[in-house]
Amino acid sequence: MQARVDELRNQQLKLTGKEGDADSDVQTGDSSPFPSLRQLPLLGVTYADLSRQMKVQQAVFETLTQQYELAKVQEAKEIPSVKVLDPANIPETKSFPPRARIAVLGTLCGAFLAMVWVVGVKRWNAIDPRAPGKALAQEVFETLRVRLLPASSNGAQAQAAQPGDNRSEEEQDQTGRPD
């Protein structure tokens, strides 16, 4: 019984810390899982300091993370989609296109086309209206005009029949032309 009482007193002394200094447990190699009551105030202060430092560092980390994300977004916004490799310089002399040559050639081509048009219209009017070649050409041109004219440039469909013409398309096709 005495050994048991001694053991319990020994454990009580370890818990209250009256057995020796706080360093004596470390020196003797006692591997108690709990600190002694004597060490608790010192450990409380140390714990409070470490906890405060951890909270400060956590706040600093969160702030820096937010700033880093904002900086990444800002950098992505500032990156230009087109990068100028070499800035443009104003040339000292004109090299191309030769404007005078273009103006002269355009004038000559326009005059030539106008002469061809005048000669062509004069020859066309000189041909007998009953000539089979002229009749065929007129029919081909009229067919092309009717087929190509309805598809105008703005997409609207032009009417093949004249306004006020109440005949059906079949009647117009039989006669060849609307009245």
N, C-alpha and C. Protein backbone atom coordinates (compact mmCIF):
# COMPACT_ATOMS: atom_id res chain seq x y z
N MET A 1 0.81 -1.18 0.00
CA MET A 1 0.00 0.00 0.00
C MET A 1 0.86 1.25 0.00
N GLN A 2 1.97 1.18 0.78
CA GLN A 2 2.84 2.33 0.89
C GLN A 2 3.44 2.68 -0.48
N ALA A 3 3.79 1.70 -1.26
CA ALA A 3 4.35 1.94 -2.59
C ALA A 3 3.33 2.63 -3.48
N ARG A 4 2.11 2.25 -3.32
CA ARG A 4 1.06 2.84 -4.12
C ARG A 4 0.85 4.30 -3.70
N VAL A 5 0.84 4.59 -2.45
CA VAL A 5 0.67 5.96 -1.96
C VAL A 5 1.86 6.81 -2.42
N ASP A 6 3.06 6.27 -2.34
CA ASP A 6 4.25 7.01 -2.79
C ASP A 6 4.15 7.33 -4.28
N GLU A 7 3.69 6.38 -5.03
CA GLU A 7 3.55 6.60 -6.48
C GLU A 7 2.53 7.69 -6.76
N LEU A 8 1.40 7.70 -6.05
CA LEU A 8 0.38 8.73 -6.26
C LEU A 8 0.91 10.10 -5.84
N ARG A 9 1.67 10.19 -4.76
CA ARG A 9 2.26 11.47 -4.34
C ARG A 9 3.29 11.95 -5.37
N ASN A 10 4.03 11.00 -5.89
CA ASN A 10 5.01 11.32 -6.94
C ASN A 10 4.30 11.95 -8.14
N GLN A 11 3.22 11.36 -8.55
CA GLN A 11 2.48 11.87 -9.70
C GLN A 11 1.86 13.23 -9.37
N GLN A 12 1.39 13.39 -8.11
CA GLN A 12 0.83 14.67 -7.71
C GLN A 12 1.89 15.76 -7.73
N LEU A 13 3.08 15.44 -7.30
CA LEU A 13 4.17 16.41 -7.34
C LEU A 13 4.54 16.77 -8.78
N LYS A 14 4.50 15.79 -9.64
CA LYS A 14 4.79 16.08 -11.05
C LYS A 14 3.75 17.02 -11.63
N LEU A 15 2.49 16.81 -11.27
CA LEU A 15 1.43 17.67 -11.79
C LEU A 15 1.51 19.07 -11.21
N THR A 16 1.83 19.22 -9.96
CA THR A 16 1.90 20.55 -9.35
C THR A 16 3.21 21.23 -9.66
N GLY A 17 4.22 20.50 -10.09
CA GLY A 17 5.50 21.08 -10.45
C GLY A 17 6.36 21.39 -9.27
N LYS A 18 6.11 20.88 -8.09
CA LYS A 18 6.91 21.17 -6.90
C LYS A 18 8.07 20.22 -6.77
N GLU A 19 8.17 19.29 -7.70
CA GLU A 19 9.24 18.31 -7.60
C GLU A 19 10.57 18.93 -7.98
N GLY A 20 10.60 19.89 -8.86
CA GLY A 20 11.85 20.52 -9.28
C GLY A 20 11.52 21.62 -10.28
N ASP A 21 12.53 22.13 -10.98
CA ASP A 21 12.33 23.16 -11.99
C ASP A 21 11.62 22.58 -13.20
N ALA A 22 11.23 23.49 -14.07
CA ALA A 22 10.60 23.06 -15.32
C ALA A 22 11.62 22.35 -16.18
N ASP A 23 12.89 22.75 -16.05
CA ASP A 23 13.93 22.14 -16.86
C ASP A 23 14.30 20.75 -16.34
N SER A 24 13.95 20.43 -15.09
CA SER A 24 14.34 19.15 -14.53
C SER A 24 13.64 18.00 -15.23
N ASP A 25 12.40 18.25 -15.71
CA ASP A 25 11.70 17.19 -16.42
C ASP A 25 12.39 16.89 -17.74
N VAL A 26 12.87 17.93 -18.39
CA VAL A 26 13.55 17.74 -19.67
C VAL A 26 14.89 17.06 -19.44
N GLN A 27 15.58 17.48 -18.36
CA GLN A 27 16.91 16.92 -18.10
C GLN A 27 16.82 15.45 -17.69
N THR A 28 15.80 15.14 -16.91
CA THR A 28 15.71 13.76 -16.44
C THR A 28 15.14 12.85 -17.50
N GLY A 29 14.58 13.43 -18.57
CA GLY A 29 14.06 12.60 -19.64
C GLY A 29 12.68 12.07 -19.35
N ASP A 30 11.96 12.70 -18.42
CA ASP A 30 10.61 12.26 -18.11
C ASP A 30 9.73 12.57 -19.32
N SER A 31 9.03 11.61 -19.78
CA SER A 31 8.23 11.78 -20.99
C SER A 31 6.76 11.87 -20.63
N SER A 32 6.42 12.81 -19.81
CA SER A 32 5.04 13.01 -19.41
C SER A 32 4.32 13.71 -20.56
N PRO A 33 3.12 13.27 -20.92
CA PRO A 33 2.41 13.89 -22.03
C PRO A 33 1.85 15.26 -21.67
N PHE A 34 1.74 15.59 -20.39
CA PHE A 34 1.16 16.86 -19.98
C PHE A 34 2.21 17.71 -19.27
N PRO A 35 2.13 19.03 -19.45
CA PRO A 35 3.05 19.89 -18.70
C PRO A 35 2.59 20.00 -17.24
N SER A 36 3.50 20.38 -16.42
CA SER A 36 3.16 20.54 -15.01
C SER A 36 2.37 21.82 -14.82
N LEU A 37 1.68 21.92 -13.68
CA LEU A 37 0.88 23.12 -13.40
C LEU A 37 1.76 24.35 -13.27
N ARG A 38 2.97 24.17 -12.87
CA ARG A 38 3.91 25.27 -12.73
C ARG A 38 4.27 25.85 -14.11
N GLN A 39 4.27 25.03 -15.13
CA GLN A 39 4.64 25.48 -16.48
C GLN A 39 3.47 26.09 -17.24
N LEU A 40 2.24 25.89 -16.79
CA LEU A 40 1.05 26.35 -17.53
C LEU A 40 1.02 27.86 -17.76
N PRO A 41 1.29 28.74 -16.80
CA PRO A 41 1.25 30.18 -17.10
C PRO A 41 2.27 30.57 -18.17
N LEU A 42 3.46 30.00 -18.08
CA LEU A 42 4.49 30.30 -19.07
C LEU A 42 4.07 29.81 -20.45
N LEU A 43 3.48 28.63 -20.49
CA LEU A 43 3.01 28.09 -21.78
C LEU A 43 1.83 28.89 -22.31
N GLY A 44 0.98 29.42 -21.41
CA GLY A 44 -0.15 30.24 -21.85
C GLY A 44 0.32 31.51 -22.53
N VAL A 45 1.33 32.14 -21.97
CA VAL A 45 1.87 33.36 -22.58
C VAL A 45 2.50 33.03 -23.94
N THR A 46 3.26 31.96 -23.96
CA THR A 46 3.89 31.55 -25.23
C THR A 46 2.83 31.22 -26.27
N TYR A 47 1.79 30.51 -25.86
CA TYR A 47 0.70 30.17 -26.78
C TYR A 47 0.02 31.43 -27.30
N ALA A 48 -0.25 32.39 -26.43
CA ALA A 48 -0.90 33.63 -26.84
C ALA A 48 -0.03 34.39 -27.84
N ASP A 49 1.30 34.45 -27.57
CA ASP A 49 2.21 35.13 -28.51
C ASP A 49 2.22 34.44 -29.87
N LEU A 50 2.33 33.12 -29.85
CA LEU A 50 2.35 32.38 -31.12
C LEU A 50 1.02 32.51 -31.86
N SER A 51 -0.07 32.48 -31.13
CA SER A 51 -1.38 32.62 -31.76
C SER A 51 -1.52 34.01 -32.40
N ARG A 52 -1.07 35.04 -31.69
CA ARG A 52 -1.14 36.40 -32.23
C ARG A 52 -0.28 36.52 -33.48
N GLN A 53 0.93 35.98 -33.44
CA GLN A 53 1.81 36.03 -34.62
C GLN A 53 1.20 35.29 -35.80
N MET A 54 0.56 34.14 -35.51
CA MET A 54 -0.07 33.36 -36.58
C MET A 54 -1.22 34.15 -37.21
N LYS A 55 -2.03 34.83 -36.40
CA LYS A 55 -3.14 35.61 -36.93
C LYS A 55 -2.64 36.79 -37.76
N VAL A 56 -1.58 37.44 -37.31
CA VAL A 56 -1.00 38.56 -38.07
C VAL A 56 -0.47 38.08 -39.40
N GLN A 57 0.27 36.98 -39.36
CA GLN A 57 0.83 36.45 -40.61
C GLN A 57 -0.26 35.95 -41.54
N GLN A 58 -1.35 35.40 -40.99
CA GLN A 58 -2.46 34.96 -41.83
C GLN A 58 -3.13 36.17 -42.49
N ALA A 59 -3.31 37.26 -41.75
CA ALA A 59 -3.90 38.47 -42.32
C ALA A 59 -3.00 39.05 -43.41
N VAL A 60 -1.68 39.05 -43.16
CA VAL A 60 -0.73 39.54 -44.17
C VAL A 60 -0.80 38.67 -45.41
N PHE A 61 -0.87 37.36 -45.24
CA PHE A 61 -0.94 36.44 -46.37
C PHE A 61 -2.21 36.67 -47.18
N GLU A 62 -3.35 36.83 -46.51
CA GLU A 62 -4.60 37.07 -47.23
C GLU A 62 -4.55 38.39 -47.99
N THR A 63 -4.01 39.42 -47.38
CA THR A 63 -3.90 40.73 -48.05
C THR A 63 -3.00 40.65 -49.27
N LEU A 64 -1.85 40.00 -49.09
CA LEU A 64 -0.93 39.87 -50.23
C LEU A 64 -1.53 39.02 -51.34
N THR A 65 -2.27 37.99 -50.98
CA THR A 65 -2.93 37.15 -52.01
C THR A 65 -3.95 37.97 -52.79
N GLN A 66 -4.74 38.78 -52.08
CA GLN A 66 -5.72 39.62 -52.78
C GLN A 66 -5.03 40.63 -53.70
N GLN A 67 -3.98 41.25 -53.21
CA GLN A 67 -3.24 42.21 -54.05
C GLN A 67 -2.62 41.52 -55.26
N TYR A 68 -2.12 40.31 -55.07
CA TYR A 68 -1.53 39.56 -56.18
C TYR A 68 -2.57 39.25 -57.25
N GLU A 69 -3.76 38.81 -56.82
CA GLU A 69 -4.83 38.52 -57.78
C GLU A 69 -5.27 39.78 -58.52
N LEU A 70 -5.40 40.89 -57.79
CA LEU A 70 -5.77 42.15 -58.44
C LEU A 70 -4.69 42.60 -59.42
N ALA A 71 -3.43 42.40 -59.07
CA ALA A 71 -2.34 42.78 -59.97
C ALA A 71 -2.36 41.92 -61.22
N LYS A 72 -2.67 40.63 -61.08
CA LYS A 72 -2.76 39.77 -62.26
C LYS A 72 -3.88 40.20 -63.19
N VAL A 73 -5.04 40.55 -62.62
CA VAL A 73 -6.16 41.02 -63.44
C VAL A 73 -5.81 42.34 -64.11
N GLN A 74 -5.20 43.25 -63.38
CA GLN A 74 -4.81 44.54 -63.96
C GLN A 74 -3.80 44.37 -65.08
N GLU A 75 -2.85 43.47 -64.89
CA GLU A 75 -1.85 43.22 -65.92
C GLU A 75 -2.49 42.64 -67.16
N ALA A 76 -3.46 41.75 -66.97
CA ALA A 76 -4.16 41.18 -68.12
C ALA A 76 -4.94 42.24 -68.87
N LYS A 77 -5.48 43.23 -68.15
CA LYS A 77 -6.21 44.31 -68.81
C LYS A 77 -5.27 45.24 -69.57
N GLU A 78 -4.07 45.44 -69.07
CA GLU A 78 -3.15 46.40 -69.66
C GLU A 78 -2.37 45.85 -70.85
N ILE A 79 -2.35 44.54 -71.02
CA ILE A 79 -1.59 43.96 -72.13
C ILE A 79 -2.31 44.31 -73.43
N PRO A 80 -1.64 44.98 -74.35
CA PRO A 80 -2.30 45.34 -75.61
C PRO A 80 -2.48 44.11 -76.48
N SER A 81 -3.57 44.12 -77.26
CA SER A 81 -3.82 42.98 -78.14
C SER A 81 -2.95 43.06 -79.40
N VAL A 82 -2.47 44.24 -79.72
CA VAL A 82 -1.59 44.41 -80.87
C VAL A 82 -0.29 45.04 -80.37
N LYS A 83 0.80 44.45 -80.73
CA LYS A 83 2.08 44.97 -80.29
C LYS A 83 2.77 45.64 -81.47
N VAL A 84 3.18 46.88 -81.30
CA VAL A 84 3.86 47.62 -82.36
C VAL A 84 5.34 47.24 -82.32
N LEU A 85 5.79 46.60 -83.40
CA LEU A 85 7.18 46.18 -83.46
C LEU A 85 8.08 47.35 -83.86
N ASP A 86 7.71 48.04 -84.93
CA ASP A 86 8.47 49.20 -85.39
C ASP A 86 7.50 50.36 -85.57
N PRO A 87 7.79 51.52 -85.02
CA PRO A 87 6.88 52.65 -85.22
C PRO A 87 6.93 53.12 -86.67
N ALA A 88 5.81 53.62 -87.15
CA ALA A 88 5.71 54.09 -88.53
C ALA A 88 6.45 55.41 -88.68
N ASN A 89 7.16 55.54 -89.78
CA ASN A 89 7.86 56.78 -90.10
C ASN A 89 7.28 57.37 -91.37
N ILE A 90 7.19 58.67 -91.43
CA ILE A 90 6.69 59.34 -92.63
C ILE A 90 7.80 59.30 -93.68
N PRO A 91 7.49 58.80 -94.91
CA PRO A 91 8.53 58.72 -95.93
C PRO A 91 8.94 60.12 -96.39
N GLU A 92 10.20 60.23 -96.78
CA GLU A 92 10.71 61.52 -97.24
C GLU A 92 10.27 61.81 -98.67
N THR A 93 10.20 60.80 -99.53
CA THR A 93 9.75 60.98 -100.91
C THR A 93 8.69 59.95 -101.24
N LYS A 94 7.81 60.29 -102.17
CA LYS A 94 6.78 59.35 -102.61
C LYS A 94 7.42 58.32 -103.53
N SER A 95 7.09 57.07 -103.33
CA SER A 95 7.68 56.04 -104.17
C SER A 95 6.64 55.34 -105.03
N PHE A 96 5.46 55.10 -104.49
CA PHE A 96 4.44 54.37 -105.23
C PHE A 96 3.10 54.70 -104.64
N PRO A 97 2.05 54.76 -105.32
CA PRO A 97 1.82 54.63 -106.75
C PRO A 97 2.08 55.95 -107.46
N PRO A 98 2.48 55.88 -108.73
CA PRO A 98 2.71 57.12 -109.50
C PRO A 98 1.37 57.74 -109.89
N ARG A 99 0.96 58.75 -109.17
CA ARG A 99 -0.37 59.32 -109.35
C ARG A 99 -0.56 59.96 -110.73
N ALA A 100 0.44 60.61 -111.24
CA ALA A 100 0.31 61.25 -112.56
C ALA A 100 0.08 60.19 -113.64
N ARG A 101 0.83 59.10 -113.58
CA ARG A 101 0.68 58.03 -114.57
C ARG A 101 -0.70 57.40 -114.47
N ILE A 102 -1.19 57.21 -113.26
CA ILE A 102 -2.53 56.63 -113.09
C ILE A 102 -3.59 57.57 -113.66
N ALA A 103 -3.46 58.85 -113.43
CA ALA A 103 -4.44 59.81 -113.95
C ALA A 103 -4.43 59.83 -115.48
N VAL A 104 -3.27 59.82 -116.09
CA VAL A 104 -3.17 59.85 -117.56
C VAL A 104 -3.75 58.56 -118.14
N LEU A 105 -3.36 57.40 -117.59
CA LEU A 105 -3.87 56.12 -118.10
C LEU A 105 -5.38 56.01 -117.90
N GLY A 106 -5.90 56.47 -116.78
CA GLY A 106 -7.35 56.44 -116.55
C GLY A 106 -8.10 57.30 -117.55
N THR A 107 -7.57 58.48 -117.83
CA THR A 107 -8.20 59.37 -118.80
C THR A 107 -8.19 58.74 -120.19
N LEU A 108 -7.05 58.18 -120.59
CA LEU A 108 -6.96 57.55 -121.91
C LEU A 108 -7.89 56.35 -122.02
N CYS A 109 -7.95 55.51 -120.97
CA CYS A 109 -8.85 54.35 -121.01
C CYS A 109 -10.31 54.80 -121.05
N GLY A 110 -10.68 55.83 -120.31
CA GLY A 110 -12.05 56.34 -120.34
C GLY A 110 -12.40 56.89 -121.71
N ALA A 111 -11.48 57.63 -122.33
CA ALA A 111 -11.73 58.18 -123.67
C ALA A 111 -11.87 57.05 -124.69
N PHE A 112 -11.03 56.02 -124.59
CA PHE A 112 -11.10 54.89 -125.52
C PHE A 112 -12.44 54.15 -125.36
N LEU A 113 -12.85 53.91 -124.13
CA LEU A 113 -14.13 53.21 -123.91
C LEU A 113 -15.30 54.06 -124.40
N ALA A 114 -15.23 55.36 -124.23
CA ALA A 114 -16.29 56.24 -124.74
C ALA A 114 -16.37 56.18 -126.26
N MET A 115 -15.22 56.17 -126.93
CA MET A 115 -15.22 56.08 -128.41
C MET A 115 -15.78 54.74 -128.86
N VAL A 116 -15.38 53.66 -128.18
CA VAL A 116 -15.91 52.33 -128.55
C VAL A 116 -17.41 52.31 -128.35
N TRP A 117 -17.89 52.90 -127.27
CA TRP A 117 -19.34 52.93 -127.00
C TRP A 117 -20.07 53.71 -128.10
N VAL A 118 -19.55 54.87 -128.47
CA VAL A 118 -20.20 55.69 -129.51
C VAL A 118 -20.22 54.95 -130.84
N VAL A 119 -19.09 54.37 -131.21
CA VAL A 119 -19.02 53.63 -132.48
C VAL A 119 -19.94 52.42 -132.42
N GLY A 120 -19.99 51.71 -131.30
CA GLY A 120 -20.85 50.53 -131.17
C GLY A 120 -22.32 50.88 -131.26
N VAL A 121 -22.74 51.96 -130.61
CA VAL A 121 -24.15 52.36 -130.68
C VAL A 121 -24.50 52.79 -132.09
N LYS A 122 -23.59 53.49 -132.77
CA LYS A 122 -23.86 53.93 -134.15
C LYS A 122 -24.01 52.72 -135.08
N ARG A 123 -23.13 51.73 -134.93
CA ARG A 123 -23.21 50.52 -135.77
C ARG A 123 -24.47 49.72 -135.43
N TRP A 124 -24.84 49.66 -134.11
CA TRP A 124 -26.03 48.90 -133.71
C TRP A 124 -27.29 49.53 -134.32
N ASN A 125 -27.34 50.85 -134.30
CA ASN A 125 -28.51 51.52 -134.88
C ASN A 125 -28.51 51.42 -136.40
N ALA A 126 -27.35 51.20 -137.02
CA ALA A 126 -27.28 51.10 -138.48
C ALA A 126 -27.77 49.74 -138.97
N ILE A 127 -27.82 48.73 -138.12
CA ILE A 127 -28.27 47.39 -138.51
C ILE A 127 -29.79 47.42 -138.67
N ASP A 128 -30.28 46.70 -139.71
CA ASP A 128 -31.71 46.63 -139.98
C ASP A 128 -32.42 45.96 -138.79
N PRO A 129 -33.51 46.55 -138.27
CA PRO A 129 -34.21 45.97 -137.12
C PRO A 129 -34.77 44.57 -137.39
N ARG A 130 -34.97 44.22 -138.67
CA ARG A 130 -35.50 42.89 -138.99
C ARG A 130 -34.41 41.85 -139.17
N ALA A 131 -33.18 42.22 -139.02
CA ALA A 131 -32.07 41.28 -139.20
C ALA A 131 -32.16 40.21 -138.10
N PRO A 132 -31.96 38.92 -138.50
CA PRO A 132 -32.10 37.86 -137.49
C PRO A 132 -31.04 37.95 -136.38
N GLY A 133 -29.86 38.41 -136.65
CA GLY A 133 -28.82 38.54 -135.63
C GLY A 133 -29.19 39.59 -134.59
N LYS A 134 -29.74 40.73 -135.07
CA LYS A 134 -30.13 41.79 -134.15
C LYS A 134 -31.31 41.35 -133.30
N ALA A 135 -32.28 40.63 -133.91
CA ALA A 135 -33.44 40.14 -133.16
C ALA A 135 -33.00 39.14 -132.08
N LEU A 136 -32.08 38.25 -132.44
CA LEU A 136 -31.56 37.28 -131.47
C LEU A 136 -30.83 37.99 -130.33
N ALA A 137 -30.00 38.96 -130.67
CA ALA A 137 -29.25 39.69 -129.65
C ALA A 137 -30.20 40.44 -128.73
N GLN A 138 -31.25 41.08 -129.29
CA GLN A 138 -32.21 41.80 -128.46
C GLN A 138 -32.95 40.86 -127.52
N GLU A 139 -33.30 39.68 -128.03
CA GLU A 139 -34.00 38.70 -127.18
C GLU A 139 -33.09 38.21 -126.04
N VAL A 140 -31.83 37.96 -126.36
CA VAL A 140 -30.88 37.49 -125.33
C VAL A 140 -30.68 38.60 -124.28
N PHE A 141 -30.49 39.84 -124.72
CA PHE A 141 -30.29 40.94 -123.77
C PHE A 141 -31.53 41.16 -122.90
N GLU A 142 -32.71 41.05 -123.51
CA GLU A 142 -33.95 41.23 -122.74
C GLU A 142 -34.11 40.11 -121.71
N THR A 143 -33.79 38.88 -122.07
CA THR A 143 -33.87 37.75 -121.13
C THR A 143 -32.88 37.95 -119.98
N LEU A 144 -31.67 38.35 -120.29
CA LEU A 144 -30.68 38.60 -119.25
C LEU A 144 -31.12 39.73 -118.33
N ARG A 145 -31.68 40.80 -118.92
CA ARG A 145 -32.12 41.92 -118.12
C ARG A 145 -33.24 41.50 -117.18
N VAL A 146 -34.18 40.69 -117.64
CA VAL A 146 -35.30 40.25 -116.81
C VAL A 146 -34.80 39.33 -115.69
N ARG A 147 -33.85 38.47 -115.99
CA ARG A 147 -33.36 37.52 -114.98
C ARG A 147 -32.41 38.18 -113.98
N LEU A 148 -31.60 39.11 -114.41
CA LEU A 148 -30.62 39.72 -113.52
C LEU A 148 -31.17 40.93 -112.78
N LEU A 149 -32.14 41.62 -113.34
CA LEU A 149 -32.67 42.83 -112.73
C LEU A 149 -33.42 42.58 -111.43
N PRO A 150 -34.21 41.50 -111.29
CA PRO A 150 -34.96 41.32 -110.04
C PRO A 150 -34.07 41.21 -108.80
N ALA A 151 -32.87 40.72 -108.90
CA ALA A 151 -31.98 40.64 -107.74
C ALA A 151 -31.20 41.94 -107.65
N SER A 152 -31.81 42.93 -107.00
CA SER A 152 -31.14 44.22 -106.89
C SER A 152 -30.09 44.18 -105.78
N SER A 153 -29.33 45.23 -105.66
CA SER A 153 -28.21 45.25 -104.71
C SER A 153 -28.67 45.26 -103.26
N ASN A 154 -29.88 45.76 -102.96
CA ASN A 154 -30.32 45.79 -101.57
C ASN A 154 -31.11 44.54 -101.20
N GLY A 155 -31.25 43.60 -102.10
CA GLY A 155 -31.89 42.33 -101.79
C GLY A 155 -33.39 42.32 -102.05
N ALA A 156 -33.98 43.46 -102.44
CA ALA A 156 -35.41 43.50 -102.71
C ALA A 156 -35.68 42.90 -104.08
N GLN A 157 -36.78 42.20 -104.20
CA GLN A 157 -37.15 41.58 -105.47
C GLN A 157 -37.97 42.58 -106.28
N ALA A 158 -37.50 42.89 -107.49
CA ALA A 158 -38.24 43.80 -108.37
C ALA A 158 -39.35 43.02 -109.05
N GLN A 159 -40.42 43.70 -109.36
CA GLN A 159 -41.55 43.05 -110.00
C GLN A 159 -41.29 42.94 -111.50
N ALA A 160 -41.56 41.76 -112.06
CA ALA A 160 -41.36 41.56 -113.50
C ALA A 160 -42.45 42.28 -114.28
N ALA A 161 -43.63 42.32 -113.71
CA ALA A 161 -44.74 42.97 -114.39
C ALA A 161 -44.77 44.44 -114.00
N GLN A 162 -45.32 45.26 -114.87
CA GLN A 162 -45.44 46.69 -114.61
C GLN A 162 -46.53 46.91 -113.55
N PRO A 163 -46.45 47.98 -112.78
CA PRO A 163 -47.53 48.27 -111.82
C PRO A 163 -48.82 48.51 -112.56
N GLY A 164 -49.89 47.98 -112.03
CA GLY A 164 -51.20 48.12 -112.66
C GLY A 164 -51.47 47.02 -113.65
N ASP A 165 -50.55 46.12 -113.90
CA ASP A 165 -50.76 45.01 -114.83
C ASP A 165 -51.38 43.87 -114.04
N ASN A 166 -52.61 43.54 -114.33
CA ASN A 166 -53.34 42.54 -113.56
C ASN A 166 -53.32 41.17 -114.22
N ARG A 167 -52.59 41.01 -115.32
CA ARG A 167 -52.54 39.69 -115.97
C ARG A 167 -51.70 38.75 -115.15
N SER A 168 -51.99 37.48 -115.27
CA SER A 168 -51.22 36.47 -114.55
C SER A 168 -49.88 36.27 -115.23
N GLU A 169 -48.99 35.60 -114.55
CA GLU A 169 -47.66 35.35 -115.11
C GLU A 169 -47.74 34.45 -116.32
N GLU A 170 -48.71 33.52 -116.34
CA GLU A 170 -48.86 32.62 -117.49
C GLU A 170 -49.23 33.40 -118.74
N GLU A 171 -50.14 34.39 -118.60
CA GLU A 171 -50.52 35.19 -119.74
C GLU A 171 -49.35 36.02 -120.23
N GLN A 172 -48.54 36.52 -119.31
CA GLN A 172 -47.38 37.31 -119.70
C GLN A 172 -46.37 36.44 -120.40
N ASP A 173 -46.17 35.18 -119.95
CA ASP A 173 -45.21 34.29 -120.58
C ASP A 173 -45.66 33.90 -121.97
N GLN A 174 -46.96 33.77 -122.23
CA GLN A 174 -47.46 33.38 -123.55
C GLN A 174 -47.24 34.49 -124.55
N THR A 175 -47.42 35.71 -124.14
CA THR A 175 -47.24 36.82 -125.07
C THR A 175 -45.80 37.25 -125.17
N GLY A 176 -44.98 36.89 -124.19
CA GLY A 176 -43.56 37.24 -124.22
C GLY A 176 -43.23 38.46 -123.43
N ARG A 177 -44.14 39.46 -123.42
CA ARG A 177 -43.87 40.71 -122.69
C ARG A 177 -45.14 41.20 -122.02
N PRO A 178 -44.98 41.86 -120.91
CA PRO A 178 -46.16 42.50 -120.32
C PRO A 178 -46.50 43.77 -121.08
N ASP A 179 -47.79 44.14 -121.12
CA ASP A 179 -48.19 45.36 -121.83
C ASP A 179 -47.84 46.59 -121.07
